[in-house]
PDB file of N, CA and C in Angstrom:
ATOM      1  N   MET A   1     -12.141 -24.076 -30.020  1.00  0.00           N
ATOM      2  CA  MET A   1     -11.538 -23.433 -28.857  1.00  0.00           C
ATOM      3  C   MET A   1     -12.250 -22.055 -28.468  1.00  0.00           C
ATOM      4  N   GLY A   2     -11.905 -21.512 -27.242  1.00  0.00           N
ATOM      5  CA  GLY A   2     -12.535 -20.298 -26.992  1.00  0.00           C
ATOM      6  C   GLY A   2     -11.763 -19.214 -27.338  1.00  0.00           C
ATOM      7  N   ASP A   3     -12.284 -17.808 -26.841  1.00  0.00           N
ATOM      8  CA  ASP A   3     -11.421 -16.887 -27.123  1.00  0.00           C
ATOM      9  C   ASP A   3     -10.345 -16.872 -26.150  1.00  0.00           C
ATOM     10  N   GLY A   4      -9.064 -16.418 -26.587  1.00  0.00           N
ATOM     11  CA  GLY A   4      -8.027 -16.332 -25.452  1.00  0.00           C
ATOM     12  C   GLY A   4      -8.031 -15.118 -24.670  1.00  0.00           C
ATOM     13  N   MET A   5      -7.294 -15.061 -23.556  1.00  0.00           N
ATOM     14  CA  MET A   5      -7.415 -14.105 -22.534  1.00  0.00           C
ATOM     15  C   MET A   5      -6.559 -12.881 -22.893  1.00  0.00           C
ATOM     16  N   ASN A   6      -6.594 -11.812 -22.761  1.00  0.00           N
ATOM     17  CA  ASN A   6      -5.732 -10.684 -22.877  1.00  0.00           C
ATOM     18  C   ASN A   6      -5.855  -9.690 -21.765  1.00  0.00           C
ATOM     19  N   ILE A   7      -4.758  -9.321 -21.298  1.00  0.00           N
ATOM     20  CA  ILE A   7      -4.651  -8.507 -20.200  1.00  0.00           C
ATOM     21  C   ILE A   7      -4.081  -7.026 -20.819  1.00  0.00           C
ATOM     22  N   ASP A   8      -4.556  -5.974 -20.247  1.00  0.00           N
ATOM     23  CA  ASP A   8      -4.103  -4.651 -20.646  1.00  0.00           C
ATOM     24  C   ASP A   8      -3.289  -4.404 -19.592  1.00  0.00           C
ATOM     25  N   VAL A   9      -1.997  -4.820 -20.001  1.00  0.00           N
ATOM     26  CA  VAL A   9      -0.824  -4.714 -19.098  1.00  0.00           C
ATOM     27  C   VAL A   9      -0.443  -3.148 -18.429  1.00  0.00           C
ATOM     28  N   ASP A  10      -0.600  -2.379 -19.671  1.00  0.00           N
ATOM     29  CA  ASP A  10      -0.554  -0.923 -19.170  1.00  0.00           C
ATOM     30  C   ASP A  10      -1.309  -0.442 -18.304  1.00  0.00           C
ATOM     31  N   ALA A  11      -2.719  -0.751 -18.394  1.00  0.00           N
ATOM     32  CA  ALA A  11      -3.631  -0.395 -17.423  1.00  0.00           C
ATOM     33  C   ALA A  11      -3.420  -1.046 -16.149  1.00  0.00           C
ATOM     34  N   VAL A  12      -3.158  -2.259 -15.985  1.00  0.00           N
ATOM     35  CA  VAL A  12      -2.959  -2.716 -14.846  1.00  0.00           C
ATOM     36  C   VAL A  12      -1.786  -2.161 -14.000  1.00  0.00           C
ATOM     37  N   ILE A  13      -0.857  -1.654 -14.824  1.00  0.00           N
ATOM     38  CA  ILE A  13       0.546  -0.996 -14.314  1.00  0.00           C
ATOM     39  C   ILE A  13       0.267   0.230 -13.728  1.00  0.00           C
ATOM     40  N   GLY A  14      -0.749   0.945 -14.586  1.00  0.00           N
ATOM     41  CA  GLY A  14      -1.387   2.374 -14.275  1.00  0.00           C
ATOM     42  C   GLY A  14      -2.106   2.211 -12.660  1.00  0.00           C
ATOM     43  N   VAL A  15      -2.813   1.208 -12.508  1.00  0.00           N
ATOM     44  CA  VAL A  15      -3.523   1.038 -11.214  1.00  0.00           C
ATOM     45  C   VAL A  15      -2.533   0.599 -10.340  1.00  0.00           C
ATOM     46  N   VAL A  16      -1.701  -0.320 -10.485  1.00  0.00           N
ATOM     47  CA  VAL A  16      -0.615  -0.408  -9.500  1.00  0.00           C
ATOM     48  C   VAL A  16       0.187   0.800  -9.063  1.00  0.00           C
ATOM     49  N   ASN A  17       0.674   1.529  -9.972  1.00  0.00           N
ATOM     50  CA  ASN A  17       1.201   2.665  -9.587  1.00  0.00           C
ATOM     51  C   ASN A  17       0.338   3.659  -8.875  1.00  0.00           C
ATOM     52  N   SER A  18      -0.876   3.608  -8.932  1.00  0.00           N
ATOM     53  CA  SER A  18      -1.754   4.425  -8.236  1.00  0.00           C
ATOM     54  C   SER A  18      -1.866   4.049  -6.744  1.00  0.00           C
ATOM     55  N   PHE A  19      -1.937   2.490  -6.633  1.00  0.00           N
ATOM     56  CA  PHE A  19      -1.719   1.871  -5.388  1.00  0.00           C
ATOM     57  C   PHE A  19      -0.601   2.032  -4.832  1.00  0.00           C
ATOM     58  N   ASP A  20       0.567   2.164  -5.426  1.00  0.00           N
ATOM     59  CA  ASP A  20       1.803   2.679  -4.664  1.00  0.00           C
ATOM     60  C   ASP A  20       1.753   4.011  -4.154  1.00  0.00           C
ATOM     61  N   GLU A  21       1.135   4.989  -4.980  1.00  0.00           N
ATOM     62  CA  GLU A  21       1.257   6.388  -4.697  1.00  0.00           C
ATOM     63  C   GLU A  21       0.404   6.385  -3.384  1.00  0.00           C
ATOM     64  N   THR A  22      -0.643   5.746  -3.407  1.00  0.00           N
ATOM     65  CA  THR A  22      -1.644   5.723  -1.977  1.00  0.00           C
ATOM     66  C   THR A  22      -0.999   5.262  -0.834  1.00  0.00           C
ATOM     67  N   ARG A  23      -0.091   4.016  -1.247  1.00  0.00           N
ATOM     68  CA  ARG A  23       0.951   3.632   0.063  1.00  0.00           C
ATOM     69  C   ARG A  23       1.792   4.620   0.620  1.00  0.00           C
ATOM     70  N   GLU A  24       2.417   5.300  -0.217  1.00  0.00           N
ATOM     71  CA  GLU A  24       3.205   6.541   0.266  1.00  0.00           C
ATOM     72  C   GLU A  24       2.601   7.392   0.971  1.00  0.00           C
ATOM     73  N   ILE A  25       1.215   7.572   0.457  1.00  0.00           N
ATOM     74  CA  ILE A  25       0.564   8.816   1.242  1.00  0.00           C
ATOM     75  C   ILE A  25       0.185   8.325   2.690  1.00  0.00           C
ATOM     76  N   VAL A  26      -0.428   7.130   2.685  1.00  0.00           N
ATOM     77  CA  VAL A  26      -0.731   6.595   4.081  1.00  0.00           C
ATOM     78  C   VAL A  26       0.524   6.265   4.921  1.00  0.00           C
ATOM     79  N   GLU A  27       1.678   5.995   4.262  1.00  0.00           N
ATOM     80  CA  GLU A  27       2.916   5.911   5.196  1.00  0.00           C
ATOM     81  C   GLU A  27       3.225   7.201   5.806  1.00  0.00           C
ATOM     82  N   ARG A  28       3.152   8.289   4.997  1.00  0.00           N
ATOM     83  CA  ARG A  28       3.364   9.626   5.413  1.00  0.00           C
ATOM     84  C   ARG A  28       2.395   9.886   6.633  1.00  0.00           C
ATOM     85  N   LEU A  29       1.151   9.583   6.303  1.00  0.00           N
ATOM     86  CA  LEU A  29       0.077   9.973   7.421  1.00  0.00           C
ATOM     87  C   LEU A  29       0.497   9.149   8.744  1.00  0.00           C
ATOM     88  N   ALA A  30       0.899   7.943   8.590  1.00  0.00           N
ATOM     89  CA  ALA A  30       1.344   7.132   9.896  1.00  0.00           C
ATOM     90  C   ALA A  30       2.155   8.193  10.785  1.00  0.00           C
ATOM     91  N   GLY A  31       2.972   8.865  10.295  1.00  0.00           N
ATOM     92  CA  GLY A  31       3.750   9.655  11.388  1.00  0.00           C
ATOM     93  C   GLY A  31       3.278  11.007  11.882  1.00  0.00           C
ATOM     94  N   VAL A  32       1.929  11.292  11.441  1.00  0.00           N
ATOM     95  CA  VAL A  32       1.443  12.430  11.833  1.00  0.00           C
ATOM     96  C   VAL A  32       1.012  12.535  13.250  1.00  0.00           C
ATOM     97  N   PRO A  33       0.291  11.393  13.726  1.00  0.00           N
ATOM     98  CA  PRO A  33      -0.307  11.326  15.063  1.00  0.00           C
ATOM     99  C   PRO A  33       1.135  11.610  16.080  1.00  0.00           C
ATOM    100  N   GLY A  34       1.899  10.983  15.671  1.00  0.00           N
ATOM    101  CA  GLY A  34       3.352  11.078  16.490  1.00  0.00           C
ATOM    102  C   GLY A  34       3.920  12.544  16.680  1.00  0.00           C
ATOM    103  N   GLN A  35       3.369  13.261  15.938  1.00  0.00           N
ATOM    104  CA  GLN A  35       4.043  14.810  15.930  1.00  0.00           C
ATOM    105  C   GLN A  35       3.138  15.735  16.791  1.00  0.00           C
ATOM    106  N   PHE A  36       2.029  15.198  17.224  1.00  0.00           N
ATOM    107  CA  PHE A  36       1.113  15.928  18.125  1.00  0.00           C
ATOM    108  C   PHE A  36       2.032  16.300  19.416  1.00  0.00           C
ATOM    109  N   ALA A  37       1.765  17.642  19.813  1.00  0.00           N
ATOM    110  CA  ALA A  37       2.681  18.028  21.026  1.00  0.00           C
ATOM    111  C   ALA A  37       1.554  17.995  22.082  1.00  0.00           C
ATOM    112  N   PHE A  38       1.039  16.805  22.191  1.00  0.00           N
ATOM    113  CA  PHE A  38       0.242  16.804  23.753  1.00  0.00           C
ATOM    114  C   PHE A  38       0.387  15.628  24.438  1.00  0.00           C
ATOM    115  N   SER A  39       0.459  15.553  25.650  1.00  0.00           N
ATOM    116  CA  SER A  39       0.725  14.706  26.510  1.00  0.00           C
ATOM    117  C   SER A  39       0.084  15.076  28.038  1.00  0.00           C
ATOM    118  N   SER A  40       0.482  14.180  28.792  1.00  0.00           N
ATOM    119  CA  SER A  40       0.211  14.492  30.348  1.00  0.00           C
ATOM    120  C   SER A  40       0.305  15.665  30.891  1.00  0.00           C
ATOM    121  N   SER A  41       1.856  15.874  30.529  1.00  0.00           N
ATOM    122  CA  SER A  41       2.307  17.192  31.064  1.00  0.00           C
ATOM    123  C   SER A  41       1.703  18.663  30.574  1.00  0.00           C
ATOM    124  N   THR A  42       1.251  18.678  29.024  1.00  0.00           N
ATOM    125  CA  THR A  42       0.713  19.585  28.547  1.00  0.00           C
ATOM    126  C   THR A  42      -0.980  19.592  28.775  1.00  0.00           C
ATOM    127  N   ALA A  43      -1.502  18.804  29.097  1.00  0.00           N
ATOM    128  CA  ALA A  43      -2.901  18.382  29.463  1.00  0.00           C
ATOM    129  C   ALA A  43      -3.463  19.201  30.733  1.00  0.00           C
ATOM    130  N   GLY A  44      -2.413  19.229  31.645  1.00  0.00           N
ATOM    131  CA  GLY A  44      -2.982  19.813  33.181  1.00  0.00           C
ATOM    132  C   GLY A  44      -2.966  18.659  33.989  1.00  0.00           C
ATOM    133  N   ARG A  45      -2.890  19.241  35.157  1.00  0.00           N
ATOM    134  CA  ARG A  45      -2.480  17.936  36.265  1.00  0.00           C
ATOM    135  C   ARG A  45      -3.756  17.190  36.431  1.00  0.00           C
ATOM    136  N   ASN A  46      -4.991  17.778  36.378  1.00  0.00           N
ATOM    137  CA  ASN A  46      -6.248  17.365  36.428  1.00  0.00           C
ATOM    138  C   ASN A  46      -6.604  16.247  35.267  1.00  0.00           C
ATOM    139  N   TYR A  47      -5.773  15.983  34.436  1.00  0.00           N
ATOM    140  CA  TYR A  47      -6.139  15.437  33.160  1.00  0.00           C
ATOM    141  C   TYR A  47      -5.062  14.644  32.580  1.00  0.00           C
ATOM    142  N   ASP A  48      -4.104  14.187  33.635  1.00  0.00           N
ATOM    143  CA  ASP A  48      -2.926  13.269  33.185  1.00  0.00           C
ATOM    144  C   ASP A  48      -3.401  11.812  32.540  1.00  0.00           C
ATOM    145  N   GLU A  49      -4.580  11.170  33.396  1.00  0.00           N
ATOM    146  CA  GLU A  49      -5.080   9.865  32.737  1.00  0.00           C
ATOM    147  C   GLU A  49      -5.501   9.905  31.326  1.00  0.00           C
ATOM    148  N   ALA A  50      -6.574  10.947  31.234  1.00  0.00           N
ATOM    149  CA  ALA A  50      -7.199  11.187  30.171  1.00  0.00           C
ATOM    150  C   ALA A  50      -6.175  11.374  28.725  1.00  0.00           C
ATOM    151  N   ALA A  51      -5.273  12.231  29.098  1.00  0.00           N
ATOM    152  CA  ALA A  51      -4.019  12.526  28.260  1.00  0.00           C
ATOM    153  C   ALA A  51      -3.254  11.405  27.821  1.00  0.00           C
ATOM    154  N   ASP A  52      -3.245  10.586  28.785  1.00  0.00           N
ATOM    155  CA  ASP A  52      -2.445   9.315  28.516  1.00  0.00           C
ATOM    156  C   ASP A  52      -3.029   8.382  27.706  1.00  0.00           C
ATOM    157  N   ARG A  53      -4.453   8.178  27.762  1.00  0.00           N
ATOM    158  CA  ARG A  53      -5.270   7.392  26.911  1.00  0.00           C
ATOM    159  C   ARG A  53      -5.378   8.092  25.482  1.00  0.00           C
ATOM    160  N   ILE A  54      -5.248   9.322  25.265  1.00  0.00           N
ATOM    161  CA  ILE A  54      -5.452   9.889  24.200  1.00  0.00           C
ATOM    162  C   ILE A  54      -4.224   9.796  23.210  1.00  0.00           C
ATOM    163  N   VAL A  55      -3.022   9.810  23.920  1.00  0.00           N
ATOM    164  CA  VAL A  55      -1.733   9.568  23.515  1.00  0.00           C
ATOM    165  C   VAL A  55      -1.645   8.118  23.015  1.00  0.00           C
ATOM    166  N   ALA A  56      -1.970   7.308  23.978  1.00  0.00           N
ATOM    167  CA  ALA A  56      -1.945   5.736  23.292  1.00  0.00           C
ATOM    168  C   ALA A  56      -2.975   5.555  22.158  1.00  0.00           C
ATOM    169  N   GLY A  57      -4.028   6.305  22.030  1.00  0.00           N
ATOM    170  CA  GLY A  57      -5.093   6.207  20.931  1.00  0.00           C
ATOM    171  C   GLY A  57      -4.424   6.713  19.687  1.00  0.00           C
ATOM    172  N   TYR A  58      -3.579   7.899  19.698  1.00  0.00           N
ATOM    173  CA  TYR A  58      -3.118   8.349  18.816  1.00  0.00           C
ATOM    174  C   TYR A  58      -1.942   7.445  18.306  1.00  0.00           C
ATOM    175  N   SER A  59      -1.309   6.661  18.946  1.00  0.00           N
ATOM    176  CA  SER A  59      -0.083   5.876  18.667  1.00  0.00           C
ATOM    177  C   SER A  59      -0.714   4.587  17.994  1.00  0.00           C
ATOM    178  N   ARG A  60      -1.958   4.170  18.346  1.00  0.00           N
ATOM    179  CA  ARG A  60      -2.477   3.040  17.669  1.00  0.00           C
ATOM    180  C   ARG A  60      -3.017   3.285  16.366  1.00  0.00           C
ATOM    181  N   VAL A  61      -3.495   4.663  16.088  1.00  0.00           N
ATOM    182  CA  VAL A  61      -3.686   4.940  14.847  1.00  0.00           C
ATOM    183  C   VAL A  61      -2.670   5.003  13.699  1.00  0.00           C
ATOM    184  N   GLY A  62      -1.489   5.541  14.464  1.00  0.00           N
ATOM    185  CA  GLY A  62      -0.194   5.473  13.606  1.00  0.00           C
ATOM    186  C   GLY A  62       0.188   3.952  13.193  1.00  0.00           C
ATOM    187  N   ALA A  63       0.179   3.339  14.258  1.00  0.00           N
ATOM    188  CA  ALA A  63       0.465   1.822  14.037  1.00  0.00           C
ATOM    189  C   ALA A  63      -0.694   0.964  12.903  1.00  0.00           C
ATOM    190  N   SER A  64      -1.615   1.385  13.083  1.00  0.00           N
ATOM    191  CA  SER A  64      -2.681   0.914  12.202  1.00  0.00           C
ATOM    192  C   SER A  64      -2.423   1.448  10.783  1.00  0.00           C
ATOM    193  N   LEU A  65      -1.888   2.870  10.534  1.00  0.00           N
ATOM    194  CA  LEU A  65      -1.799   3.279   9.411  1.00  0.00           C
ATOM    195  C   LEU A  65      -0.517   2.770   8.803  1.00  0.00           C
ATOM    196  N   ARG A  66       0.512   2.381   9.567  1.00  0.00           N
ATOM    197  CA  ARG A  66       1.584   1.750   9.132  1.00  0.00           C
ATOM    198  C   ARG A  66       1.637   0.360   8.483  1.00  0.00           C
ATOM    199  N   GLY A  67       0.507  -0.460   9.206  1.00  0.00           N
ATOM    200  CA  GLY A  67       0.051  -1.796   8.982  1.00  0.00           C
ATOM    201  C   GLY A  67      -0.717  -1.871   7.512  1.00  0.00           C
ATOM    202  N   TRP A  68      -1.236  -0.619   7.438  1.00  0.00           N
ATOM    203  CA  TRP A  68      -2.064  -0.745   6.139  1.00  0.00           C
ATOM    204  C   TRP A  68      -1.215  -0.288   4.947  1.00  0.00           C
ATOM    205  N   SER A  69      -0.180   0.517   5.244  1.00  0.00           N
ATOM    206  CA  SER A  69       0.662   0.954   4.128  1.00  0.00           C
ATOM    207  C   SER A  69       1.561  -0.285   3.807  1.00  0.00           C
ATOM    208  N   GLU A  70       1.792  -1.159   4.932  1.00  0.00           N
ATOM    209  CA  GLU A  70       2.582  -2.438   4.479  1.00  0.00           C
ATOM    210  C   GLU A  70       1.762  -3.278   3.568  1.00  0.00           C
ATOM    211  N   ALA A  71       0.617  -3.608   4.112  1.00  0.00           N
ATOM    212  CA  ALA A  71      -0.498  -4.270   3.203  1.00  0.00           C
ATOM    213  C   ALA A  71      -0.433  -3.863   1.758  1.00  0.00           C
ATOM    214  N   ILE A  72      -0.709  -2.456   1.653  1.00  0.00           N
ATOM    215  CA  ILE A  72      -0.717  -2.147   0.208  1.00  0.00           C
ATOM    216  C   ILE A  72       0.512  -2.494  -0.382  1.00  0.00           C
ATOM    217  N   GLY A  73       1.504  -2.396   0.113  1.00  0.00           N
ATOM    218  CA  GLY A  73       2.917  -2.469  -0.445  1.00  0.00           C
ATOM    219  C   GLY A  73       3.015  -3.855  -1.006  1.00  0.00           C
ATOM    220  N   ASP A  74       2.592  -4.824   0.206  1.00  0.00           N
ATOM    221  CA  ASP A  74       2.602  -6.357  -0.271  1.00  0.00           C
ATOM    222  C   ASP A  74       1.736  -6.561  -1.590  1.00  0.00           C
ATOM    223  N   ASP A  75       0.438  -5.949  -1.641  1.00  0.00           N
ATOM    224  CA  ASP A  75      -0.452  -6.111  -2.852  1.00  0.00           C
ATOM    225  C   ASP A  75       0.275  -5.578  -3.921  1.00  0.00           C
ATOM    226  N   VAL A  76       0.973  -4.439  -4.010  1.00  0.00           N
ATOM    227  CA  VAL A  76       1.590  -3.939  -4.847  1.00  0.00           C
ATOM    228  C   VAL A  76       2.729  -4.798  -5.616  1.00  0.00           C
ATOM    229  N   GLY A  77       3.503  -5.556  -4.553  1.00  0.00           N
ATOM    230  CA  GLY A  77       4.441  -6.423  -4.908  1.00  0.00           C
ATOM    231  C   GLY A  77       4.095  -7.626  -5.728  1.00  0.00           C
ATOM    232  N   ARG A  78       2.644  -8.168  -5.093  1.00  0.00           N
ATOM    233  CA  ARG A  78       2.207  -9.404  -5.777  1.00  0.00           C
ATOM    234  C   ARG A  78       1.639  -9.055  -7.124  1.00  0.00           C
ATOM    235  N   ILE A  79       0.996  -7.984  -7.306  1.00  0.00           N
ATOM    236  CA  ILE A  79       0.473  -7.492  -8.683  1.00  0.00           C
ATOM    237  C   ILE A  79       1.649  -7.417  -9.550  1.00  0.00           C
ATOM    238  N   ARG A  80       2.581  -6.588  -9.227  1.00  0.00           N
ATOM    239  CA  ARG A  80       3.687  -6.514 -10.077  1.00  0.00           C
ATOM    240  C   ARG A  80       4.509  -7.828 -10.504  1.00  0.00           C
ATOM    241  N   ALA A  81       4.484  -8.656  -9.430  1.00  0.00           N
ATOM    242  CA  ALA A  81       5.065 -10.089  -9.937  1.00  0.00           C
ATOM    243  C   ALA A  81       4.267 -10.934 -10.816  1.00  0.00           C
ATOM    244  N   SER A  82       2.938 -10.648 -10.640  1.00  0.00           N
ATOM    245  CA  SER A  82       1.862 -11.519 -11.665  1.00  0.00           C
ATOM    246  C   SER A  82       2.146 -10.905 -12.888  1.00  0.00           C
ATOM    247  N   ILE A  83       2.240  -9.479 -13.194  1.00  0.00           N
ATOM    248  CA  ILE A  83       2.338  -8.903 -14.387  1.00  0.00           C
ATOM    249  C   ILE A  83       3.644  -9.487 -14.900  1.00  0.00           C
ATOM    250  N   ASP A  84       4.679  -9.344 -14.139  1.00  0.00           N
ATOM    251  CA  ASP A  84       5.800  -9.861 -14.648  1.00  0.00           C
ATOM    252  C   ASP A  84       5.730 -11.265 -15.235  1.00  0.00           C
ATOM    253  N   GLY A  85       5.050 -12.027 -14.313  1.00  0.00           N
ATOM    254  CA  GLY A  85       4.864 -13.466 -14.962  1.00  0.00           C
ATOM    255  C   GLY A  85       3.900 -13.611 -16.374  1.00  0.00           C
ATOM    256  N   TYR A  86       2.912 -12.763 -16.407  1.00  0.00           N
ATOM    257  CA  TYR A  86       2.217 -12.867 -17.412  1.00  0.00           C
ATOM    258  C   TYR A  86       2.913 -12.384 -18.697  1.00  0.00           C
ATOM    259  N   ARG A  87       3.875 -11.301 -18.864  1.00  0.00           N
ATOM    260  CA  ARG A  87       4.430 -10.927 -19.693  1.00  0.00           C
ATOM    261  C   ARG A  87       5.247 -12.016 -20.174  1.00  0.00           C
ATOM    262  N   SER A  88       6.038 -12.769 -19.107  1.00  0.00           N
ATOM    263  CA  SER A  88       7.224 -13.778 -19.696  1.00  0.00           C
ATOM    264  C   SER A  88       6.370 -14.811 -20.181  1.00  0.00           C
ATOM    265  N   VAL A  89       5.137 -15.404 -19.750  1.00  0.00           N
ATOM    266  CA  VAL A  89       4.394 -16.386 -20.355  1.00  0.00           C
ATOM    267  C   VAL A  89       3.720 -16.015 -21.931  1.00  0.00           C
ATOM    268  N   ASP A  90       3.221 -14.607 -21.732  1.00  0.00           N
ATOM    269  CA  ASP A  90       2.847 -14.172 -22.988  1.00  0.00           C
ATOM    270  C   ASP A  90       4.033 -14.241 -24.387  1.00  0.00           C
ATOM    271  N   SER A  91       5.165 -13.599 -23.877  1.00  0.00           N
ATOM    272  CA  SER A  91       6.446 -13.558 -24.731  1.00  0.00           C
ATOM    273  C   SER A  91       6.800 -15.069 -25.260  1.00  0.00           C
ATOM    274  N   GLY A  92       6.871 -15.809 -24.345  1.00  0.00           N
ATOM    275  CA  GLY A  92       7.139 -17.319 -24.529  1.00  0.00           C
ATOM    276  C   GLY A  92       6.156 -17.988 -25.610  1.00  0.00           C
ATOM    277  N   ALA A  93       4.726 -17.672 -25.148  1.00  0.00           N
ATOM    278  CA  ALA A  93       3.912 -18.234 -26.190  1.00  0.00           C
ATOM    279  C   ALA A  93       4.127 -17.755 -27.401  1.00  0.00           C
ATOM    280  N   ALA A  94       4.189 -16.407 -27.506  1.00  0.00           N
ATOM    281  CA  ALA A  94       4.311 -15.592 -29.022  1.00  0.00           C
ATOM    282  C   ALA A  94       5.491 -16.382 -29.752  1.00  0.00           C
ATOM    283  N   GLY A  95       6.692 -16.542 -28.928  1.00  0.00           N
ATOM    284  CA  GLY A  95       7.738 -17.041 -29.613  1.00  0.00           C
ATOM    285  C   GLY A  95       7.624 -18.725 -29.961  1.00  0.00           C
ATOM    286  N   THR A  96       6.807 -19.395 -29.315  1.00  0.00           N
ATOM    287  CA  THR A  96       6.512 -20.555 -29.847  1.00  0.00           C
ATOM    288  C   THR A  96       5.589 -20.666 -31.099  1.00  0.00           C
ATOM    289  N   ILE A  97       4.782 -19.901 -31.360  1.00  0.00           N
ATOM    290  CA  ILE A  97       3.978 -19.707 -32.447  1.00  0.00           C
ATOM    291  C   ILE A  97       4.506 -19.023 -33.562  1.00  0.00           C
ATOM    292  N   GLY A  98       5.602 -18.285 -33.250  1.00  0.00           N
ATOM    293  CA  GLY A  98       6.149 -17.519 -34.147  1.00  0.00           C
ATOM    294  C   GLY A  98       5.457 -16.017 -34.396  1.00  0.00           C
ATOM    295  N   ALA A  99       4.688 -15.358 -33.325  1.00  0.00           N
ATOM    296  CA  ALA A  99       4.233 -14.184 -33.564  1.00  0.00           C
ATOM    297  C   ALA A  99       5.090 -13.222 -33.077  1.00  0.00           C
ATOM    298  N   PRO A 100       4.725 -12.077 -33.283  1.00  0.00           N
ATOM    299  CA  PRO A 100       5.641 -10.782 -33.093  1.00  0.00           C
ATOM    300  C   PRO A 100       5.555 -10.719 -31.652  1.00  0.00           C
ATOM    301  N   ARG A 101       6.802 -10.265 -30.708  1.00  0.00           N
ATOM    302  CA  ARG A 101       6.582 -10.096 -29.539  1.00  0.00           C
ATOM    303  C   ARG A 101       6.305  -8.510 -29.098  1.00  0.00           C
TER     304      ARG A 101
END
């Protein structure tokens, strides 16, 4: 038989926690473009159209950041579920052979 696989669960949890912290930062950043006090009324009468395009661009940036934050959150959830599954299988296997858990 080959060597068994061993996962450093604590290290993986540390990485996942870092991902989750990153998700929180990205989520906060997603709201920043919406806080800009720029609009067609503040740009001046000759720049209404350009200002509208800029505001729309900022809205897209915020939406993209929210999407990125959600994707990171999905990954964090999947990795945590995998770790829970690994722990469960590892504990069950240890119980089957009588090894300490």
